[in-house]
């Protein structure tokens, strides 16, 4: 049976594009990944397998179809539940093709029980339980110190939250001491680390208040702050705890248990420390109000004294007038002394606050850093001289060792080296003719020689 002429190669047809199976599978895989980069798919688990490698392999099916899936480490180890056959789940996955076998598959990146969302259900369950136990009660929440001297910030040492907190506190109230207490804020290791740090910080008694914080993220990212043990550690803390987890719209169990919830890390910093500029303005206003109040009281007393003097002069009781005059003068001096003392106390207080501000001035820190730099330079200079001395000794030892194996050292022991007229070293007496001129090299010079026959 012959093919029609129209289908014979070369009969006006375009050249064939022949693909290998691997090339075809690679093209199909690229098309699938470009068209469907990430999908959410819901179905029933079957054929769940977790080999020694730690990867998770399973089939996701419904009543009409099924698809093979894989979930690789470390994401397979982050699951908060154990996948089993028959479980209904929601999976976020990349659509792809397993090239060696040409099989269509999904590569899962996230999995959770299907329905309302397991994390949200667990959040509501724990929230209701702890609320019933009284951990959220307003009457147990403690007031925060107005002027905290030391604040412990429990958060990631490398996150954006700690940078925001330190920046705001340094700007608003540089007198406060802030200790960063680093903990992981995401993943399985985060809850026990946060619990341990809360207990340690409360037990040391160093801090006036603790700030538990991290930046924003998904419900899964913030889940460490919805842990029951973290909530109970906050409740048991003897030091007031402020919670600032995520963004303003995010709420965690830690927010409800803490003594105060702040919408963001920066807002928490503003709540924990006063504004030094506003406080200074307030102190200046109070000083002016005290001075004005004393001035008004003094004027009122003076007016009353003048009124009494008029009445006394009208009655002219000379003896009583003299006694009252002495008493009034005494009261006047007391008033002046009282006003002066109060003004002096306020001035001393303002001077102390100003001195503390000057102590925190960058100029003082620059002087200290300059002194440290000079110490480091001096130490480097000593280390450099010490290293040069060691290198000099090593060089001397090397020179002595090389001299010991040098031909010159051999010459110094009474030996000589013979050279022919061309300057080549003679290694044997064979082949040297009579009257051949030679040259002998000794330790202290050279001697011309001539071969003679005995």
Protein backbone atom coordinates (compact mmCIF):
# COMPACT_ATOMS: atom_id res chain seq x y z
CA UNK A 1 0.00 0.00 0.00
CA UNK A 2 1.47 3.32 -1.08
CA UNK A 3 0.88 6.78 0.45
CA UNK A 4 -0.83 9.41 -1.73
CA UNK A 5 1.46 11.69 -3.62
CA UNK A 6 0.42 14.71 -1.51
CA UNK A 7 1.82 13.03 1.58
CA UNK A 8 5.07 11.86 0.14
CA UNK A 9 8.17 13.67 1.49
CA UNK A 10 9.30 16.37 -0.86
CA UNK A 11 5.98 16.69 -2.68
CA UNK A 12 5.50 20.38 -1.84
CA UNK A 13 5.22 19.70 1.90
CA UNK A 14 7.15 21.69 4.59
CA UNK A 15 10.07 19.84 6.23
CA UNK A 16 9.20 17.64 9.19
CA UNK A 17 10.02 18.84 12.77
CA UNK A 18 10.94 15.63 14.51
CA UNK A 19 11.02 15.68 18.35
CA UNK A 20 12.43 13.22 20.84
CA UNK A 21 10.27 12.18 23.82
CA UNK A 22 12.47 14.18 26.24
CA UNK A 23 12.22 17.30 24.06
CA UNK A 24 8.47 16.93 23.77
CA UNK A 25 8.06 16.46 27.53
CA UNK A 26 10.25 19.52 28.20
CA UNK A 27 8.11 21.65 25.86
CA UNK A 28 4.87 20.43 27.43
CA UNK A 29 6.23 21.08 30.92
CA UNK A 30 7.21 24.64 29.97
CA UNK A 31 3.77 25.30 28.48
CA UNK A 32 2.02 24.01 31.62
CA UNK A 33 4.20 26.00 34.03
CA UNK A 34 3.82 29.21 32.01
CA UNK A 35 0.05 28.87 31.65
CA UNK A 36 -0.72 27.73 35.23
CA UNK A 37 2.09 28.88 37.57
CA UNK A 38 0.11 28.43 40.83
CA UNK A 39 -3.33 26.93 41.42
CA UNK A 40 -5.52 26.07 44.42
CA UNK A 41 -7.11 22.64 44.17
CA UNK A 42 -9.41 20.81 46.57
CA UNK A 43 -9.87 17.06 46.72
CA UNK A 44 -9.50 13.78 48.61
CA UNK A 45 -6.11 12.28 49.49
CA UNK A 46 -5.22 8.74 48.41
CA UNK A 47 -2.02 6.68 48.05
CA UNK A 48 -0.27 8.90 50.63
CA UNK A 49 3.41 7.90 50.96
CA UNK A 50 6.32 9.47 52.84
CA UNK A 51 9.62 7.66 52.07
CA UNK A 52 12.84 8.01 54.04
CA UNK A 53 13.78 11.08 51.99
CA UNK A 54 11.07 13.06 53.80
CA UNK A 55 9.23 14.02 50.60
CA UNK A 56 5.47 13.49 50.47
CA UNK A 57 3.80 11.74 47.51
CA UNK A 58 0.02 11.40 47.14
CA UNK A 59 -2.91 11.40 44.74
CA UNK A 60 -5.60 14.08 44.83
CA UNK A 61 -8.96 12.93 43.47
CA UNK A 62 -12.65 13.66 43.22
CA UNK A 63 -15.53 11.55 41.94
CA UNK A 64 -14.48 11.89 38.28
CA UNK A 65 -10.70 12.29 38.08
CA UNK A 66 -7.40 12.17 39.93
CA UNK A 67 -3.94 13.75 39.66
CA UNK A 68 -0.57 12.69 41.09
CA UNK A 69 1.08 15.15 43.48
CA UNK A 70 4.43 15.61 45.25
CA UNK A 71 5.42 17.82 48.17
CA UNK A 72 9.16 18.11 48.71
CA UNK A 73 11.23 18.95 51.78
CA UNK A 74 11.36 21.21 53.71
CA UNK A 75 7.75 22.21 52.98
CA UNK A 76 6.52 18.69 53.67
CA UNK A 77 7.93 19.02 57.19
CA UNK A 78 6.06 22.27 57.89
CA UNK A 79 2.62 20.65 57.82
CA UNK A 80 0.66 21.06 61.07
CA UNK A 81 -1.27 17.83 60.52
CA UNK A 82 -0.57 14.29 59.31
CA UNK A 83 -1.99 13.67 55.82
CA UNK A 84 -3.84 10.34 55.54
CA UNK A 85 -5.86 8.57 52.88
CA UNK A 86 -9.43 9.81 52.64
CA UNK A 87 -8.69 13.27 54.13
CA UNK A 88 -10.26 16.23 52.32
CA UNK A 89 -7.61 18.94 51.78
CA UNK A 90 -6.94 22.25 50.05
CA UNK A 91 -3.61 22.40 48.18
CA UNK A 92 -1.67 25.27 46.61
CA UNK A 93 0.56 23.82 43.88
CA UNK A 94 2.48 24.40 40.68
CA UNK A 95 1.25 22.52 37.60
CA UNK A 96 3.99 20.56 35.87
CA UNK A 97 5.10 17.39 34.10
CA UNK A 98 7.47 14.71 35.38
CA UNK A 99 9.70 14.52 32.31
CA UNK A 100 11.35 11.06 32.75
CA UNK A 101 7.93 9.30 32.66
CA UNK A 102 5.89 11.94 30.85
CA UNK A 103 3.38 12.06 33.72
CA UNK A 104 1.24 15.09 34.51
CA UNK A 105 1.67 16.08 38.19
CA UNK A 106 1.28 18.85 40.78
CA UNK A 107 4.14 20.08 42.98
CA UNK A 108 2.47 21.18 46.24
CA UNK A 109 3.78 24.16 48.21
CA UNK A 110 1.06 24.37 50.89
CA UNK A 111 -1.63 22.04 52.22
CA UNK A 112 -4.37 22.50 54.79
CA UNK A 113 -7.58 20.67 55.71
CA UNK A 114 -10.38 21.88 53.45
CA UNK A 115 -13.45 23.75 54.67
CA UNK A 116 -13.35 27.00 56.68
CA UNK A 117 -9.58 26.79 57.08
CA UNK A 118 -7.90 24.75 59.81
CA UNK A 119 -5.81 27.61 61.09
CA UNK A 120 -8.77 29.94 61.45
CA UNK A 121 -10.81 27.25 63.21
CA UNK A 122 -7.95 26.52 65.59
CA UNK A 123 -7.58 30.27 66.23
CA UNK A 124 -11.26 30.64 67.15
CA UNK A 125 -11.22 27.48 69.29
CA UNK A 126 -8.19 28.57 71.33
CA UNK A 127 -9.49 32.13 71.62
CA UNK A 128 -12.80 30.89 73.05
CA UNK A 129 -11.03 28.52 75.45
CA UNK A 130 -8.62 31.11 76.85
CA UNK A 131 -11.37 33.72 77.07
CA UNK A 132 -13.46 31.30 79.13
CA UNK A 133 -10.48 30.75 81.44
CA UNK A 134 -10.21 34.52 82.03
CA UNK A 135 -6.87 35.14 80.30
CA UNK A 136 -8.38 38.08 78.36
CA UNK A 137 -10.07 39.73 81.36
CA UNK A 138 -9.52 43.49 81.51
CA UNK A 139 -9.25 43.53 85.30
CA UNK A 140 -6.06 41.46 85.22
CA UNK A 141 -4.26 43.75 82.75
CA UNK A 142 -1.61 45.86 84.42
CA UNK A 143 -0.87 49.53 83.66
CA UNK A 144 2.41 50.27 81.92
CA UNK A 145 5.07 52.45 83.55
CA UNK A 146 4.98 56.01 82.27
CA UNK A 147 8.78 56.31 82.22
CA UNK A 148 10.23 52.85 81.58
CA UNK A 149 13.95 52.68 82.30
CA UNK A 150 14.62 49.31 80.63
CA UNK A 151 12.58 47.62 77.91
CA UNK A 152 13.12 44.09 76.61
CA UNK A 153 12.09 43.59 72.96
CA UNK A 154 11.39 39.93 72.13
CA UNK A 155 11.57 39.60 68.35
CA UNK A 156 13.78 38.57 65.45
CA UNK A 157 17.15 40.32 65.57
CA UNK A 158 17.18 40.76 61.78
CA UNK A 159 13.58 41.73 61.04
CA UNK A 160 12.20 45.12 60.05
CA UNK A 161 10.18 45.32 63.29
CA UNK A 162 13.21 45.75 65.56
CA UNK A 163 14.65 48.46 63.30
CA UNK A 164 11.38 50.41 63.49
CA UNK A 165 11.15 50.01 67.28
CA UNK A 166 14.75 51.10 67.94
CA UNK A 167 14.44 54.06 65.55
CA UNK A 168 11.25 55.37 67.18
CA UNK A 169 12.55 54.91 70.75
CA UNK A 170 15.88 56.59 69.99
CA UNK A 171 14.06 59.55 68.49
CA UNK A 172 11.40 59.92 71.18
CA UNK A 173 13.22 59.00 74.40
CA UNK A 174 17.00 58.33 74.16
CA UNK A 175 17.23 57.86 77.94
CA UNK A 176 15.58 54.42 77.83
CA UNK A 177 17.72 51.26 77.77
CA UNK A 178 16.50 48.79 75.13
CA UNK A 179 17.68 45.15 75.08
CA UNK A 180 16.96 43.07 71.99
CA UNK A 181 16.03 39.53 73.09
CA UNK A 182 16.34 37.56 69.81
CA UNK A 183 13.97 34.69 69.04
CA UNK A 184 12.68 33.07 65.83
CA UNK A 185 9.23 34.47 65.02
CA UNK A 186 8.13 31.92 62.44
CA UNK A 187 8.19 28.14 62.11
CA UNK A 188 8.05 25.25 64.56
CA UNK A 189 10.97 26.43 66.66
CA UNK A 190 9.41 29.86 67.30
CA UNK A 191 6.78 29.07 70.04
CA UNK A 192 9.14 27.23 72.47
CA UNK A 193 11.83 29.89 71.93
CA UNK A 194 9.35 32.71 72.65
CA UNK A 195 8.06 30.94 75.77
CA UNK A 196 11.59 30.39 77.08
CA UNK A 197 12.58 34.03 76.45
CA UNK A 198 9.40 35.37 78.15
CA UNK A 199 10.11 33.30 81.25
CA UNK A 200 13.79 34.23 81.31
CA UNK A 201 13.10 37.97 80.84
CA UNK A 202 10.42 38.01 83.55
CA UNK A 203 12.55 36.00 85.99
CA UNK A 204 15.60 38.25 85.76
CA UNK A 205 13.62 41.28 87.02
CA UNK A 206 15.66 43.64 84.86
CA UNK A 207 12.89 45.04 82.68
CA UNK A 208 10.04 47.43 83.45
CA UNK A 209 8.08 46.16 80.44
CA UNK A 210 8.47 43.56 77.67
CA UNK A 211 7.53 44.11 74.01
CA UNK A 212 6.63 41.02 71.96
CA UNK A 213 6.60 41.98 68.28
CA UNK A 214 7.15 41.04 64.63
CA UNK A 215 6.22 42.40 61.20
CA UNK A 216 3.20 41.50 59.11
CA UNK A 217 2.49 38.27 57.25
CA UNK A 218 -0.12 35.65 56.53
CA UNK A 219 -2.05 33.80 59.23
CA UNK A 220 0.41 30.93 58.85
CA UNK A 221 3.40 33.29 59.18
CA UNK A 222 1.95 34.76 62.41
CA UNK A 223 0.88 31.41 63.85
CA UNK A 224 3.65 31.31 66.48
CA UNK A 225 1.79 34.13 68.28
CA UNK A 226 -1.41 32.07 68.31
CA UNK A 227 0.26 29.23 70.22
CA UNK A 228 -1.39 28.25 73.52
CA UNK A 229 1.91 27.95 75.41
CA UNK A 230 2.95 31.44 74.27
CA UNK A 231 -0.39 32.81 75.50
CA UNK A 232 0.00 31.15 78.89
CA UNK A 233 3.58 32.41 79.20
CA UNK A 234 2.38 35.97 78.59
CA UNK A 235 -0.36 35.51 81.19
CA UNK A 236 2.13 34.14 83.74
CA UNK A 237 4.72 36.88 83.20
CA UNK A 238 5.39 39.03 86.27
CA UNK A 239 6.52 41.85 83.96
CA UNK A 240 3.90 43.76 81.90
CA UNK A 241 3.82 42.59 78.28
CA UNK A 242 2.90 44.66 75.21
CA UNK A 243 2.02 42.76 72.01
CA UNK A 244 2.53 44.27 68.54
CA UNK A 245 2.17 41.50 65.97
CA UNK A 246 1.76 42.19 62.26
CA UNK A 247 -0.19 45.09 60.79
CA UNK A 248 -3.09 47.04 62.23
CA UNK A 249 -5.67 44.60 60.78
CA UNK A 250 -3.90 41.53 62.21
CA UNK A 251 -5.03 40.10 65.56
CA UNK A 252 -3.35 37.25 67.41
CA UNK A 253 -3.99 35.36 70.64
CA UNK A 254 -0.96 37.15 72.10
CA UNK A 255 -2.71 40.49 71.48
CA UNK A 256 -5.70 39.44 73.59
CA UNK A 257 -3.62 38.07 76.50
CA UNK A 258 -1.07 40.90 76.67
CA UNK A 259 -1.50 43.86 79.00
CA UNK A 260 -1.66 46.14 75.95
CA UNK A 261 -2.06 45.52 72.22
CA UNK A 262 -0.40 47.90 69.74
CA UNK A 263 -1.44 47.92 66.06
CA UNK A 264 2.16 47.98 64.74
CA UNK A 265 5.73 47.74 66.13
CA UNK A 266 6.25 51.49 65.58
CA UNK A 267 3.00 52.29 67.41
CA UNK A 268 4.13 50.07 70.30
CA UNK A 269 7.37 52.05 70.58
CA UNK A 270 5.37 55.30 70.72
CA UNK A 271 3.12 53.89 73.46
CA UNK A 272 6.03 52.66 75.59
CA UNK A 273 8.15 55.83 75.70
CA UNK A 274 7.15 59.49 75.94
CA UNK A 275 8.11 62.16 73.42
CA UNK A 276 11.04 64.01 74.93
CA UNK A 277 10.27 67.21 73.00
CA UNK A 278 6.62 67.19 74.10
CA UNK A 279 7.67 66.47 77.69
CA UNK A 280 10.10 69.34 77.64
CA UNK A 281 7.40 71.67 76.33
CA UNK A 282 5.08 70.39 79.04
CA UNK A 283 7.70 71.04 81.74
CA UNK A 284 8.26 74.55 80.43
CA UNK A 285 4.50 75.18 80.47
CA UNK A 286 4.25 73.85 84.03
CA UNK A 287 7.15 76.05 85.09
CA UNK A 288 5.46 79.11 83.61
CA UNK A 289 2.14 78.15 85.22
CA UNK A 290 3.78 77.68 88.65
CA UNK A 291 5.58 81.00 88.36
CA UNK A 292 2.38 82.77 87.25
CA UNK A 293 0.38 81.12 90.04
CA UNK A 294 2.89 82.22 92.65
CA UNK A 295 2.90 85.70 91.20
CA UNK A 296 -0.90 85.89 91.37
CA UNK A 297 -0.95 84.59 94.94
CA UNK A 298 1.76 87.02 95.93
CA UNK A 299 -0.08 89.95 94.37
CA UNK A 300 -3.28 88.88 96.10
CA UNK A 301 -1.49 88.75 99.45
CA UNK A 302 0.10 92.12 98.83
CA UNK A 303 -3.28 93.64 97.97
CA UNK A 304 -4.82 92.13 101.08
CA UNK A 305 -1.93 93.46 103.17
CA UNK A 306 -2.42 96.91 101.69
CA UNK A 307 -6.12 96.71 102.50
CA UNK A 308 -5.37 95.72 106.09
CA UNK A 309 -2.85 98.51 106.42
CA UNK A 310 -5.47 100.99 105.32
CA UNK A 311 -7.88 99.64 107.95
CA UNK A 312 -5.24 99.76 110.63
CA UNK A 313 -4.28 103.28 109.76
CA UNK A 314 -7.91 104.24 109.92
CA UNK A 315 -8.25 102.78 113.43
CA UNK A 316 -4.77 103.97 114.52
CA UNK A 317 -4.09 101.30 117.13
CA UNK A 318 -0.34 101.96 117.20
CA UNK A 319 0.76 98.92 119.19
CA UNK A 320 -1.41 96.50 117.26
CA UNK A 321 -0.32 98.08 114.03
CA UNK A 322 3.34 97.54 114.90
CA UNK A 323 2.73 93.88 115.78
CA UNK A 324 0.72 93.25 112.64
CA UNK A 325 3.33 95.03 110.57
CA UNK A 326 6.02 92.71 111.93
CA UNK A 327 3.82 89.70 111.27
CA UNK A 328 3.06 90.82 107.74
CA UNK A 329 6.70 91.38 107.00
CA UNK A 330 7.44 87.92 108.33
CA UNK A 331 4.73 86.40 106.14
CA UNK A 332 6.00 88.35 103.16
CA UNK A 333 9.50 86.96 103.66
CA UNK A 334 8.10 83.45 104.02
CA UNK A 335 6.14 83.80 100.81
CA UNK A 336 9.18 85.03 98.97
CA UNK A 337 11.29 82.23 100.42
CA UNK A 338 8.62 79.64 99.49
CA UNK A 339 8.40 80.93 95.95
CA UNK A 340 12.17 81.01 95.62
CA UNK A 341 12.47 77.46 96.98
CA UNK A 342 9.86 76.12 94.59
CA UNK A 343 11.40 77.90 91.63
CA UNK A 344 14.82 76.57 92.68
CA UNK A 345 13.52 73.00 92.88
CA UNK A 346 11.97 73.26 89.44
CA UNK A 347 15.18 74.77 88.06
CA UNK A 348 17.31 72.00 89.59
CA UNK A 349 14.97 69.38 88.15
CA UNK A 350 15.16 70.94 84.70
CA UNK A 351 18.96 71.13 84.96
CA UNK A 352 19.12 67.44 85.83
CA UNK A 353 16.93 66.50 82.87
CA UNK A 354 19.05 68.69 80.61
CA UNK A 355 22.26 67.11 81.97
CA UNK A 356 20.89 63.63 81.27
CA UNK A 357 20.07 64.70 77.73
CA UNK A 358 23.61 66.05 77.27
CA UNK A 359 25.03 62.74 78.54
CA UNK A 360 23.23 61.02 75.66
CA UNK A 361 24.61 63.50 73.09
CA UNK A 362 26.46 61.86 70.14
CA UNK A 363 29.54 63.99 70.99
CA UNK A 364 30.08 61.95 74.16
CA UNK A 365 29.78 58.70 72.26
CA UNK A 366 32.18 59.93 69.57
CA UNK A 367 34.82 60.65 72.24
CA UNK A 368 34.41 57.16 73.66
CA UNK A 369 34.63 55.61 70.17
CA UNK A 370 37.75 57.69 69.43
CA UNK A 371 39.40 56.36 72.59
CA UNK A 372 38.49 52.80 71.62
CA UNK A 373 39.93 53.40 68.14
CA UNK A 374 43.22 54.63 69.63
CA UNK A 375 43.38 51.52 71.81
CA UNK A 376 42.77 49.29 68.78
CA UNK A 377 45.47 51.13 66.76
CA UNK A 378 47.97 50.72 69.62
CA UNK A 379 47.12 47.04 69.92
CA UNK A 380 47.51 46.57 66.13
CA UNK A 381 50.90 48.31 66.21
CA UNK A 382 52.12 45.98 69.00
CA UNK A 383 50.85 42.92 67.15
CA UNK A 384 52.57 44.07 63.94
CA UNK A 385 55.94 44.55 65.68
CA UNK A 386 55.56 41.17 67.36
CA UNK A 387 54.83 39.48 64.03
CA UNK A 388 57.81 41.22 62.35
CA UNK A 389 60.09 39.99 65.14
CA UNK A 390 58.82 36.44 64.70
CA UNK A 391 59.36 36.64 60.92
CA UNK A 392 62.91 37.97 61.47
CA UNK A 393 63.72 35.04 63.77
CA UNK A 394 62.21 32.59 61.27
CA UNK A 395 64.32 34.16 58.49
CA UNK A 396 67.49 33.80 60.57
CA UNK A 397 66.69 30.16 61.30
CA UNK A 398 66.01 29.52 57.58
CA UNK A 399 69.27 31.24 56.61
CA UNK A 400 71.23 29.09 59.07
CA UNK A 401 69.56 25.95 57.74
CA UNK A 402 70.30 26.90 54.12
CA UNK A 403 73.89 27.77 54.98
CA UNK A 404 74.33 24.36 56.57
CA UNK A 405 73.53 22.65 53.24
CA UNK A 406 75.26 25.28 51.05
CA UNK A 407 78.36 24.32 48.97
CA UNK A 408 80.12 27.32 50.48
CA UNK A 409 79.87 25.72 53.91
CA UNK A 410 81.51 22.59 52.45
CA UNK A 411 84.35 24.74 51.09
CA UNK A 412 84.90 26.26 54.50
CA UNK A 413 85.60 22.77 55.85
CA UNK A 414 88.67 22.45 53.50
CA UNK A 415 87.16 21.12 50.31
CA UNK A 416 87.56 22.61 46.81
CA UNK A 417 85.63 22.55 43.52
CA UNK A 418 87.53 22.02 40.24
CA UNK A 419 86.47 23.71 36.98
CA UNK A 420 87.85 23.14 33.47
CA UNK A 421 88.76 25.97 31.07
CA UNK A 422 85.13 26.27 30.01
CA UNK A 423 83.98 26.68 33.62
CA UNK A 424 82.37 23.24 33.91
CA UNK A 425 82.69 21.32 37.15
CA UNK A 426 84.99 18.33 36.99
CA UNK A 427 83.38 15.30 38.51
CA UNK A 428 85.99 12.65 37.42
CA UNK A 429 89.73 12.46 36.59
CA UNK A 430 89.09 10.38 33.49
CA UNK A 431 89.51 12.20 30.24
CA UNK A 432 91.63 15.08 31.63
CA UNK A 433 94.79 15.47 29.56
CA UNK A 434 98.22 16.51 30.79
CA UNK A 435 98.87 20.27 30.83
CA UNK A 436 95.16 20.93 30.92
CA UNK A 437 94.55 24.24 32.71
CA UNK A 438 92.11 23.99 35.64
CA UNK A 439 90.73 26.33 38.28
CA UNK A 440 90.11 25.40 41.93
CA UNK A 441 87.50 27.30 43.92
CA UNK A 442 88.26 27.47 47.65
CA UNK A 443 86.35 29.10 50.48
CA UNK A 444 88.37 32.31 50.33
CA UNK A 445 89.19 32.52 46.60
CA UNK A 446 90.29 30.70 43.45
CA UNK A 447 93.65 29.05 42.38
CA UNK A 448 94.79 28.37 38.79
CA UNK A 449 96.06 24.79 38.31
CA UNK A 450 97.64 22.72 35.51
CA UNK A 451 97.60 18.93 35.22
CA UNK A 452 101.05 17.38 35.33
CA UNK A 453 102.17 13.80 34.95
CA UNK A 454 104.01 12.26 37.81
